[in-house]
Amino acid sequence: MRLVNVPRILVAQASRHGLLALDNAREATLAVGHAVAQRAELTRLLRPDSDAGEDDEADGVLRLLTADECKRLLATRQVGRLAFIARAGVPDIVPVNYVLDGDDVLIRSGPGPKLQAAERRELVAFEVDGFDETAHAGWSVVVHGRAVRESLAQARSGRASAEPWAAGPRHSVIRISPARLTGRRVL
């Protein structure tokens, strides 16, 4: 085996690039550390509504909602936003009318990407909120679950039927059974 002489400039560049890689790794590690510390502080400040005390009445206090409170708030609205994966793997969010059937969210739908996501039994997110922009206060409830397509007849055999505001043929129902239900309130 014959050794080849490597020009000094290549050795210098390789060393410099190696140091740059170490510097980049150091910077990335510091950035992750800062993000973890910030997330820990946000988590520390986020407490259940039931833990609220008189000293916590300051503006901007963020509170976790209980599952019962989330369900109560969901029942107060008729419009929410459905997040799902549409064609070609692109995420989409659309406003929809809904109704609760027990713990499940029912959405009437015609043919299209929402219904296709339900036919594929996709995991989806459904969000409802209420807010007062003047007071900088509000709440948000998010339902995570699997969307399933049902016929209108199947959905009507339950206790509720979602009635859409928009005209047009909407003969199917998307049912979302909550796998996870979370909510937050800012005071």
C-alpha atoms as a PDB file:
ATOM      1  CA  MET A   1       0.000   0.000   0.000  1.00  0.00           C
ATOM      2  CA  ARG A   2       1.316   3.361  -0.981  1.00  0.00           C
ATOM      3  CA  LEU A   3       0.638   6.478   1.144  1.00  0.00           C
ATOM      4  CA  VAL A   4      -0.452   9.571  -0.712  1.00  0.00           C
ATOM      5  CA  ASN A   5       0.658  13.006   0.360  1.00  0.00           C
ATOM      6  CA  VAL A   6      -2.412  15.064   1.281  1.00  0.00           C
ATOM      7  CA  PRO A   7      -1.998  18.773   0.574  1.00  0.00           C
ATOM      8  CA  ARG A   8      -1.822  20.888   3.732  1.00  0.00           C
ATOM      9  CA  ILE A   9      -4.744  23.043   2.608  1.00  0.00           C
ATOM     10  CA  LEU A  10      -7.061  20.008   2.579  1.00  0.00           C
ATOM     11  CA  VAL A  11      -5.919  19.043   6.077  1.00  0.00           C
ATOM     12  CA  ALA A  12      -6.531  22.622   7.269  1.00  0.00           C
ATOM     13  CA  GLN A  13     -10.018  22.715   5.718  1.00  0.00           C
ATOM     14  CA  ALA A  14     -10.922  19.333   7.182  1.00  0.00           C
ATOM     15  CA  SER A  15      -9.804  20.524  10.626  1.00  0.00           C
ATOM     16  CA  ARG A  16     -11.746  23.766  10.261  1.00  0.00           C
ATOM     17  CA  HIS A  17     -14.893  21.890   9.166  1.00  0.00           C
ATOM     18  CA  GLY A  18     -14.500  19.496  12.074  1.00  0.00           C
ATOM     19  CA  LEU A  19     -14.360  22.437  14.473  1.00  0.00           C
ATOM     20  CA  LEU A  20     -17.377  23.998  12.792  1.00  0.00           C
ATOM     21  CA  ALA A  21     -19.309  20.776  13.271  1.00  0.00           C
ATOM     22  CA  LEU A  22     -18.394  20.754  16.971  1.00  0.00           C
ATOM     23  CA  ASP A  23     -19.407  24.411  17.298  1.00  0.00           C
ATOM     24  CA  ASN A  24     -22.734  23.643  15.598  1.00  0.00           C
ATOM     25  CA  ALA A  25     -23.310  20.685  17.927  1.00  0.00           C
ATOM     26  CA  ARG A  26     -22.509  22.868  20.950  1.00  0.00           C
ATOM     27  CA  GLU A  27     -24.929  25.579  19.787  1.00  0.00           C
ATOM     28  CA  ALA A  28     -27.662  23.027  19.102  1.00  0.00           C
ATOM     29  CA  THR A  29     -27.191  21.497  22.561  1.00  0.00           C
ATOM     30  CA  LEU A  30     -27.473  24.937  24.186  1.00  0.00           C
ATOM     31  CA  ALA A  31     -30.598  25.759  22.149  1.00  0.00           C
ATOM     32  CA  VAL A  32     -32.250  22.482  23.188  1.00  0.00           C
ATOM     33  CA  GLY A  33     -31.308  23.160  26.812  1.00  0.00           C
ATOM     34  CA  HIS A  34     -32.901  26.623  26.665  1.00  0.00           C
ATOM     35  CA  ALA A  35     -36.058  25.218  25.034  1.00  0.00           C
ATOM     36  CA  VAL A  36     -36.342  22.511  27.711  1.00  0.00           C
ATOM     37  CA  ALA A  37     -35.953  25.124  30.473  1.00  0.00           C
ATOM     38  CA  GLN A  38     -38.604  27.357  28.906  1.00  0.00           C
ATOM     39  CA  ARG A  39     -41.005  24.424  28.492  1.00  0.00           C
ATOM     40  CA  ALA A  40     -40.432  23.446  32.132  1.00  0.00           C
ATOM     41  CA  GLU A  41     -41.346  26.995  33.209  1.00  0.00           C
ATOM     42  CA  LEU A  42     -44.514  26.969  31.075  1.00  0.00           C
ATOM     43  CA  THR A  43     -45.487  23.584  32.507  1.00  0.00           C
ATOM     44  CA  ARG A  44     -44.844  24.836  36.050  1.00  0.00           C
ATOM     45  CA  LEU A  45     -47.181  27.791  35.479  1.00  0.00           C
ATOM     46  CA  LEU A  46     -49.934  25.639  33.924  1.00  0.00           C
ATOM     47  CA  ARG A  47     -52.089  24.261  36.727  1.00  0.00           C
ATOM     48  CA  PRO A  48     -55.550  22.778  37.003  1.00  0.00           C
ATOM     49  CA  ASP A  49     -58.435  25.243  37.455  1.00  0.00           C
ATOM     50  CA  SER A  50     -59.131  23.552  40.784  1.00  0.00           C
ATOM     51  CA  ASP A  51     -55.721  24.726  42.093  1.00  0.00           C
ATOM     52  CA  ALA A  52     -56.523  28.408  41.445  1.00  0.00           C
ATOM     53  CA  GLY A  53     -56.070  30.598  44.487  1.00  0.00           C
ATOM     54  CA  GLU A  54     -56.787  34.241  45.235  1.00  0.00           C
ATOM     55  CA  ASP A  55     -53.193  35.141  44.364  1.00  0.00           C
ATOM     56  CA  ASP A  56     -53.666  33.607  40.899  1.00  0.00           C
ATOM     57  CA  GLU A  57     -56.235  36.157  39.697  1.00  0.00           C
ATOM     58  CA  ALA A  58     -53.631  38.093  37.685  1.00  0.00           C
ATOM     59  CA  ASP A  59     -54.158  38.571  33.963  1.00  0.00           C
ATOM     60  CA  GLY A  60     -52.665  35.961  31.680  1.00  0.00           C
ATOM     61  CA  VAL A  61     -52.883  33.004  34.064  1.00  0.00           C
ATOM     62  CA  LEU A  62     -53.248  29.801  32.026  1.00  0.00           C
ATOM     63  CA  ARG A  63     -55.214  26.937  33.586  1.00  0.00           C
ATOM     64  CA  LEU A  64     -55.882  23.327  32.616  1.00  0.00           C
ATOM     65  CA  LEU A  65     -59.534  22.342  32.319  1.00  0.00           C
ATOM     66  CA  THR A  66     -60.902  19.084  33.678  1.00  0.00           C
ATOM     67  CA  ALA A  67     -62.502  16.562  31.322  1.00  0.00           C
ATOM     68  CA  ASP A  68     -65.939  17.466  32.710  1.00  0.00           C
ATOM     69  CA  GLU A  69     -65.325  21.167  32.111  1.00  0.00           C
ATOM     70  CA  CYS A  70     -64.129  20.399  28.564  1.00  0.00           C
ATOM     71  CA  LYS A  71     -67.339  18.442  27.854  1.00  0.00           C
ATOM     72  CA  ARG A  72     -69.494  21.224  29.298  1.00  0.00           C
ATOM     73  CA  LEU A  73     -67.774  23.819  27.109  1.00  0.00           C
ATOM     74  CA  LEU A  74     -68.015  21.603  23.999  1.00  0.00           C
ATOM     75  CA  ALA A  75     -71.769  21.433  24.540  1.00  0.00           C
ATOM     76  CA  THR A  76     -72.067  25.248  24.472  1.00  0.00           C
ATOM     77  CA  ARG A  77     -71.003  25.652  20.822  1.00  0.00           C
ATOM     78  CA  GLN A  78     -72.091  24.537  17.350  1.00  0.00           C
ATOM     79  CA  VAL A  79     -68.984  25.420  15.321  1.00  0.00           C
ATOM     80  CA  GLY A  80     -65.488  24.014  15.708  1.00  0.00           C
ATOM     81  CA  ARG A  81     -62.430  23.301  13.583  1.00  0.00           C
ATOM     82  CA  LEU A  82     -61.500  19.876  12.260  1.00  0.00           C
ATOM     83  CA  ALA A  83     -57.805  19.212  11.597  1.00  0.00           C
ATOM     84  CA  PHE A  84     -57.021  16.238   9.386  1.00  0.00           C
ATOM     85  CA  ILE A  85     -54.644  15.000   6.710  1.00  0.00           C
ATOM     86  CA  ALA A  86     -56.050  15.788   3.264  1.00  0.00           C
ATOM     87  CA  ARG A  87     -54.857  14.717  -0.155  1.00  0.00           C
ATOM     88  CA  ALA A  88     -51.151  14.162  -0.721  1.00  0.00           C
ATOM     89  CA  GLY A  89     -50.427  14.160   3.019  1.00  0.00           C
ATOM     90  CA  VAL A  90     -51.149  17.876   3.430  1.00  0.00           C
ATOM     91  CA  PRO A  91     -52.629  18.914   6.797  1.00  0.00           C
ATOM     92  CA  ASP A  92     -55.845  20.920   6.614  1.00  0.00           C
ATOM     93  CA  ILE A  93     -58.106  22.669   9.121  1.00  0.00           C
ATOM     94  CA  VAL A  94     -61.716  23.530   8.296  1.00  0.00           C
ATOM     95  CA  PRO A  95     -64.605  25.035  10.250  1.00  0.00           C
ATOM     96  CA  VAL A  96     -67.500  22.608  10.737  1.00  0.00           C
ATOM     97  CA  ASN A  97     -70.850  22.413  12.481  1.00  0.00           C
ATOM     98  CA  TYR A  98     -71.017  19.704  15.101  1.00  0.00           C
ATOM     99  CA  VAL A  99     -73.098  18.208  17.855  1.00  0.00           C
ATOM    100  CA  LEU A 100     -72.198  15.975  20.780  1.00  0.00           C
ATOM    101  CA  ASP A 101     -73.542  12.441  21.014  1.00  0.00           C
ATOM    102  CA  GLY A 102     -72.508  11.442  24.512  1.00  0.00           C
ATOM    103  CA  ASP A 103     -68.750  12.018  24.461  1.00  0.00           C
ATOM    104  CA  ASP A 104     -68.491  11.714  20.661  1.00  0.00           C
ATOM    105  CA  VAL A 105     -68.357  14.621  18.216  1.00  0.00           C
ATOM    106  CA  LEU A 106     -70.633  14.268  15.159  1.00  0.00           C
ATOM    107  CA  ILE A 107     -70.044  16.269  11.973  1.00  0.00           C
ATOM    108  CA  ARG A 108     -72.265  16.067   8.883  1.00  0.00           C
ATOM    109  CA  SER A 109     -70.280  15.875   5.655  1.00  0.00           C
ATOM    110  CA  GLY A 110     -70.656  15.437   1.934  1.00  0.00           C
ATOM    111  CA  PRO A 111     -68.029  13.900  -0.349  1.00  0.00           C
ATOM    112  CA  GLY A 112     -64.575  15.438  -0.066  1.00  0.00           C
ATOM    113  CA  PRO A 113     -61.305  15.344   1.870  1.00  0.00           C
ATOM    114  CA  LYS A 114     -62.895  15.398   5.358  1.00  0.00           C
ATOM    115  CA  LEU A 115     -65.013  12.380   4.583  1.00  0.00           C
ATOM    116  CA  GLN A 116     -62.094  10.630   2.892  1.00  0.00           C
ATOM    117  CA  ALA A 117     -60.048  11.082   6.078  1.00  0.00           C
ATOM    118  CA  ALA A 118     -62.899   9.451   8.037  1.00  0.00           C
ATOM    119  CA  GLU A 119     -63.107   6.617   5.510  1.00  0.00           C
ATOM    120  CA  ARG A 120     -59.368   6.026   6.110  1.00  0.00           C
ATOM    121  CA  ARG A 121     -60.085   6.138   9.870  1.00  0.00           C
ATOM    122  CA  GLU A 122     -57.470   8.862  10.322  1.00  0.00           C
ATOM    123  CA  LEU A 123     -56.451  10.306  13.648  1.00  0.00           C
ATOM    124  CA  VAL A 124     -57.794  13.853  13.749  1.00  0.00           C
ATOM    125  CA  ALA A 125     -57.970  16.848  16.047  1.00  0.00           C
ATOM    126  CA  PHE A 126     -61.127  18.840  16.682  1.00  0.00           C
ATOM    127  CA  GLU A 127     -60.949  22.229  18.412  1.00  0.00           C
ATOM    128  CA  VAL A 128     -63.572  24.549  19.875  1.00  0.00           C
ATOM    129  CA  ASP A 129     -62.938  27.804  21.672  1.00  0.00           C
ATOM    130  CA  GLY A 130     -64.470  30.915  23.130  1.00  0.00           C
ATOM    131  CA  PHE A 131     -62.691  34.169  23.810  1.00  0.00           C
ATOM    132  CA  ASP A 132     -63.007  37.822  24.749  1.00  0.00           C
ATOM    133  CA  GLU A 133     -60.397  39.806  22.822  1.00  0.00           C
ATOM    134  CA  THR A 134     -60.963  42.921  24.923  1.00  0.00           C
ATOM    135  CA  ALA A 135     -60.356  41.108  28.220  1.00  0.00           C
ATOM    136  CA  HIS A 136     -57.616  38.869  26.763  1.00  0.00           C
ATOM    137  CA  ALA A 137     -59.463  35.895  28.214  1.00  0.00           C
ATOM    138  CA  GLY A 138     -60.764  32.685  26.715  1.00  0.00           C
ATOM    139  CA  TRP A 139     -60.732  28.936  26.572  1.00  0.00           C
ATOM    140  CA  SER A 140     -59.923  26.170  24.128  1.00  0.00           C
ATOM    141  CA  VAL A 141     -60.890  22.498  24.080  1.00  0.00           C
ATOM    142  CA  VAL A 142     -59.196  19.947  21.814  1.00  0.00           C
ATOM    143  CA  VAL A 143     -60.506  16.459  21.067  1.00  0.00           C
ATOM    144  CA  HIS A 144     -58.035  13.960  19.616  1.00  0.00           C
ATOM    145  CA  GLY A 145     -59.461  10.769  18.211  1.00  0.00           C
ATOM    146  CA  ARG A 146     -60.069   8.566  15.222  1.00  0.00           C
ATOM    147  CA  ALA A 147     -62.552   9.836  12.631  1.00  0.00           C
ATOM    148  CA  VAL A 148     -65.008   7.208  11.392  1.00  0.00           C
ATOM    149  CA  ARG A 149     -67.574   7.544   8.618  1.00  0.00           C
ATOM    150  CA  GLU A 150     -71.183   6.682   9.435  1.00  0.00           C
ATOM    151  CA  SER A 151     -74.323   6.889   7.384  1.00  0.00           C
ATOM    152  CA  LEU A 152     -76.860   9.501   8.378  1.00  0.00           C
ATOM    153  CA  ALA A 153     -79.209   6.658   9.410  1.00  0.00           C
ATOM    154  CA  GLN A 154     -76.543   5.202  11.748  1.00  0.00           C
ATOM    155  CA  ALA A 155     -75.930   8.582  13.364  1.00  0.00           C
ATOM    156  CA  ARG A 156     -79.653   9.283  13.758  1.00  0.00           C
ATOM    157  CA  SER A 157     -80.078   6.021  15.650  1.00  0.00           C
ATOM    158  CA  GLY A 158     -78.102   7.731  18.419  1.00  0.00           C
ATOM    159  CA  ARG A 159     -79.287  10.626  20.533  1.00  0.00           C
ATOM    160  CA  ALA A 160     -78.101  13.489  18.328  1.00  0.00           C
ATOM    161  CA  SER A 161     -77.888  14.583  14.721  1.00  0.00           C
ATOM    162  CA  ALA A 162     -75.511  17.261  13.465  1.00  0.00           C
ATOM    163  CA  GLU A 163     -77.278  19.821  11.268  1.00  0.00           C
ATOM    164  CA  PRO A 164     -74.966  21.711   8.903  1.00  0.00           C
ATOM    165  CA  TRP A 165     -75.424  25.418   8.259  1.00  0.00           C
ATOM    166  CA  ALA A 166     -74.218  25.142   4.647  1.00  0.00           C
ATOM    167  CA  ALA A 167     -76.575  23.884   1.945  1.00  0.00           C
ATOM    168  CA  GLY A 168     -75.831  20.858  -0.158  1.00  0.00           C
ATOM    169  CA  PRO A 169     -75.878  17.085   0.061  1.00  0.00           C
ATOM    170  CA  ARG A 170     -74.350  16.004   3.351  1.00  0.00           C
ATOM    171  CA  HIS A 171     -75.575  12.439   3.791  1.00  0.00           C
ATOM    172  CA  SER A 172     -72.671  11.124   5.853  1.00  0.00           C
ATOM    173  CA  VAL A 173     -71.545  11.723   9.395  1.00  0.00           C
ATOM    174  CA  ILE A 174     -68.016  11.843  10.744  1.00  0.00           C
ATOM    175  CA  ARG A 175     -67.870  10.490  14.295  1.00  0.00           C
ATOM    176  CA  ILE A 176     -64.891  11.301  16.487  1.00  0.00           C
ATOM    177  CA  SER A 177     -64.625   9.299  19.706  1.00  0.00           C
ATOM    178  CA  PRO A 178     -62.205  11.066  22.042  1.00  0.00           C
ATOM    179  CA  ALA A 179     -58.964   9.248  22.750  1.00  0.00           C
ATOM    180  CA  ARG A 180     -57.727  12.407  24.468  1.00  0.00           C
ATOM    181  CA  LEU A 181     -59.634  15.485  25.631  1.00  0.00           C
ATOM    182  CA  THR A 182     -57.731  18.546  26.791  1.00  0.00           C
ATOM    183  CA  GLY A 183     -58.590  22.133  27.525  1.00  0.00           C
ATOM    184  CA  ARG A 184     -57.060  25.372  28.712  1.00  0.00           C
ATOM    185  CA  ARG A 185     -58.410  28.647  29.977  1.00  0.00           C
ATOM    186  CA  VAL A 186     -56.592  31.964  30.153  1.00  0.00           C
ATOM    187  CA  LEU A 187     -57.859  34.457  32.697  1.00  0.00           C
END
